[in-house]
C-alpha cells in the first residue's frame, strides 16, 4: 500500500515489529496491509496526516517478477567463485 505525507514536515511513522518509516514532506512511501492496521498508523490516517494513495500489491507483483529476473544474473555473478578463490590463495 502506498501512503502519502500530507504535512509540510517530515514524519516518523511507527510500524509493527518496532520498525519506523521516515517520510519527508509531501513524499510517498510503501507499507504492508498489516502495517496499515497498526493503531498508530490508523490514528495518523484518521487525523489526515497521511493518506492511503494506492494499493502497492499490483506494483509489488510486477516488480517482484522483474526483480527475480534481475536477481538471477546478479546471484550467478558473485557465485562464480572468483572472489572466493582469490581470498583462499592469499
C-alpha atoms as a PDB file:
ATOM      1  CA  UNK A   1       0.000   0.000   0.000  1.00  0.00           C
ATOM      2  CA  UNK A   2       1.253   3.476  -0.806  1.00  0.00           C
ATOM      3  CA  UNK A   3       0.951   6.240   1.770  1.00  0.00           C
ATOM      4  CA  UNK A   4       1.444   9.962   1.277  1.00  0.00           C
ATOM      5  CA  UNK A   5       2.664  12.521   3.840  1.00  0.00           C
ATOM      6  CA  UNK A   6       0.262  15.466   3.560  1.00  0.00           C
ATOM      7  CA  UNK A   7       2.122  17.676   6.063  1.00  0.00           C
ATOM      8  CA  UNK A   8       4.921  20.198   5.444  1.00  0.00           C
ATOM      9  CA  UNK A   9       7.136  18.390   7.985  1.00  0.00           C
ATOM     10  CA  UNK A  10       8.942  15.036   7.978  1.00  0.00           C
ATOM     11  CA  UNK A  11       7.222  12.183   9.808  1.00  0.00           C
ATOM     12  CA  UNK A  12       8.404   9.145  11.744  1.00  0.00           C
ATOM     13  CA  UNK A  13       5.654   6.558  11.338  1.00  0.00           C
ATOM     14  CA  UNK A  14       5.825   3.649  13.830  1.00  0.00           C
ATOM     15  CA  UNK A  15       5.260   0.272  12.184  1.00  0.00           C
ATOM     16  CA  UNK A  16       4.697  -3.216  13.620  1.00  0.00           C
ATOM     17  CA  UNK A  17       7.785  -5.059  14.808  1.00  0.00           C
ATOM     18  CA  UNK A  18       9.443  -1.927  16.177  1.00  0.00           C
ATOM     19  CA  UNK A  19      10.212  -0.563  12.710  1.00  0.00           C
ATOM     20  CA  UNK A  20       9.863   3.083  11.704  1.00  0.00           C
ATOM     21  CA  UNK A  21       9.111   4.635   8.314  1.00  0.00           C
ATOM     22  CA  UNK A  22      10.622   8.093   7.851  1.00  0.00           C
ATOM     23  CA  UNK A  23       8.620  10.040   5.323  1.00  0.00           C
ATOM     24  CA  UNK A  24       9.592  13.510   4.112  1.00  0.00           C
ATOM     25  CA  UNK A  25       7.121  16.332   3.474  1.00  0.00           C
ATOM     26  CA  UNK A  26       4.890  15.561   0.503  1.00  0.00           C
ATOM     27  CA  UNK A  27       6.643  12.226  -0.089  1.00  0.00           C
ATOM     28  CA  UNK A  28       5.109   8.822  -0.721  1.00  0.00           C
ATOM     29  CA  UNK A  29       6.176   5.531   0.848  1.00  0.00           C
ATOM     30  CA  UNK A  30       5.033   1.936   0.962  1.00  0.00           C
ATOM     31  CA  UNK A  31       3.703  -0.107   3.861  1.00  0.00           C
ATOM     32  CA  UNK A  32       2.117  -3.526   4.091  1.00  0.00           C
ATOM     33  CA  UNK A  33      -1.590  -4.127   4.630  1.00  0.00           C
ATOM     34  CA  UNK A  34      -0.709  -5.417   8.108  1.00  0.00           C
ATOM     35  CA  UNK A  35       1.085  -2.147   8.889  1.00  0.00           C
ATOM     36  CA  UNK A  36      -1.937  -0.110   7.788  1.00  0.00           C
ATOM     37  CA  UNK A  37      -3.958  -1.841  10.529  1.00  0.00           C
ATOM     38  CA  UNK A  38      -1.378  -0.863  13.202  1.00  0.00           C
ATOM     39  CA  UNK A  39      -3.059   1.538  15.716  1.00  0.00           C
ATOM     40  CA  UNK A  40      -0.514   4.397  15.408  1.00  0.00           C
ATOM     41  CA  UNK A  41      -0.805   4.280  11.603  1.00  0.00           C
ATOM     42  CA  UNK A  42      -4.614   4.226  11.807  1.00  0.00           C
ATOM     43  CA  UNK A  43      -4.511   7.303  14.046  1.00  0.00           C
ATOM     44  CA  UNK A  44      -2.335   9.217  11.535  1.00  0.00           C
ATOM     45  CA  UNK A  45      -4.746   8.278   8.737  1.00  0.00           C
ATOM     46  CA  UNK A  46      -7.777   9.399  10.784  1.00  0.00           C
ATOM     47  CA  UNK A  47      -6.038  12.688  11.682  1.00  0.00           C
ATOM     48  CA  UNK A  48      -5.424  13.380   7.993  1.00  0.00           C
ATOM     49  CA  UNK A  49      -1.651  13.491   8.486  1.00  0.00           C
ATOM     50  CA  UNK A  50      -1.120  10.678   5.981  1.00  0.00           C
ATOM     51  CA  UNK A  51      -3.383   9.165   3.356  1.00  0.00           C
ATOM     52  CA  UNK A  52      -3.536   5.845   1.568  1.00  0.00           C
ATOM     53  CA  UNK A  53      -2.766   6.653  -2.075  1.00  0.00           C
ATOM     54  CA  UNK A  54      -2.946   3.285  -3.793  1.00  0.00           C
ATOM     55  CA  UNK A  55      -2.545  -0.423  -3.484  1.00  0.00           C
ATOM     56  CA  UNK A  56       1.132  -1.383  -3.726  1.00  0.00           C
ATOM     57  CA  UNK A  57       0.180  -5.030  -4.310  1.00  0.00           C
ATOM     58  CA  UNK A  58      -0.122  -4.524  -8.067  1.00  0.00           C
ATOM     59  CA  UNK A  59       3.240  -2.768  -8.207  1.00  0.00           C
ATOM     60  CA  UNK A  60       4.804  -5.396  -5.944  1.00  0.00           C
ATOM     61  CA  UNK A  61       3.688  -8.251  -8.192  1.00  0.00           C
ATOM     62  CA  UNK A  62       5.056  -6.589 -11.310  1.00  0.00           C
ATOM     63  CA  UNK A  63       8.221  -5.502  -9.510  1.00  0.00           C
ATOM     64  CA  UNK A  64       8.632  -8.939  -7.971  1.00  0.00           C
ATOM     65  CA  UNK A  65       8.735 -10.681 -11.334  1.00  0.00           C
ATOM     66  CA  UNK A  66      11.209  -8.194 -12.787  1.00  0.00           C
ATOM     67  CA  UNK A  67      13.281  -8.271  -9.592  1.00  0.00           C
ATOM     68  CA  UNK A  68      13.511 -12.045  -9.661  1.00  0.00           C
ATOM     69  CA  UNK A  69      14.654 -11.896 -13.272  1.00  0.00           C
ATOM     70  CA  UNK A  70      17.311  -9.316 -12.499  1.00  0.00           C
ATOM     71  CA  UNK A  71      18.437 -11.010  -9.290  1.00  0.00           C
ATOM     72  CA  UNK A  72      19.191 -14.286 -11.127  1.00  0.00           C
ATOM     73  CA  UNK A  73      22.161 -12.880 -13.054  1.00  0.00           C
ATOM     74  CA  UNK A  74      23.284 -10.879 -10.019  1.00  0.00           C
ATOM     75  CA  UNK A  75      23.356 -14.013  -7.926  1.00  0.00           C
ATOM     76  CA  UNK A  76      25.236 -16.024 -10.535  1.00  0.00           C
ATOM     77  CA  UNK A  77      27.912 -13.308 -10.902  1.00  0.00           C
ATOM     78  CA  UNK A  78      29.197 -13.368  -7.298  1.00  0.00           C
ATOM     79  CA  UNK A  79      28.691 -17.124  -7.010  1.00  0.00           C
ATOM     80  CA  UNK A  80      31.203 -17.675  -9.838  1.00  0.00           C
ATOM     81  CA  UNK A  81      33.761 -18.211  -7.108  1.00  0.00           C
ATOM     82  CA  UNK A  82      36.381 -15.752  -8.406  1.00  0.00           C
ATOM     83  CA  UNK A  83      36.399 -13.681  -5.231  1.00  0.00           C
ATOM     84  CA  UNK A  84      36.421 -16.768  -3.050  1.00  0.00           C
ATOM     85  CA  UNK A  85      39.429 -18.263  -4.846  1.00  0.00           C
ATOM     86  CA  UNK A  86      41.396 -15.022  -4.587  1.00  0.00           C
ATOM     87  CA  UNK A  87      40.841 -14.842  -0.842  1.00  0.00           C
ATOM     88  CA  UNK A  88      41.782 -18.532  -0.499  1.00  0.00           C
ATOM     89  CA  UNK A  89      45.058 -18.144  -2.446  1.00  0.00           C
ATOM     90  CA  UNK A  90      46.359 -15.372  -0.203  1.00  0.00           C
END
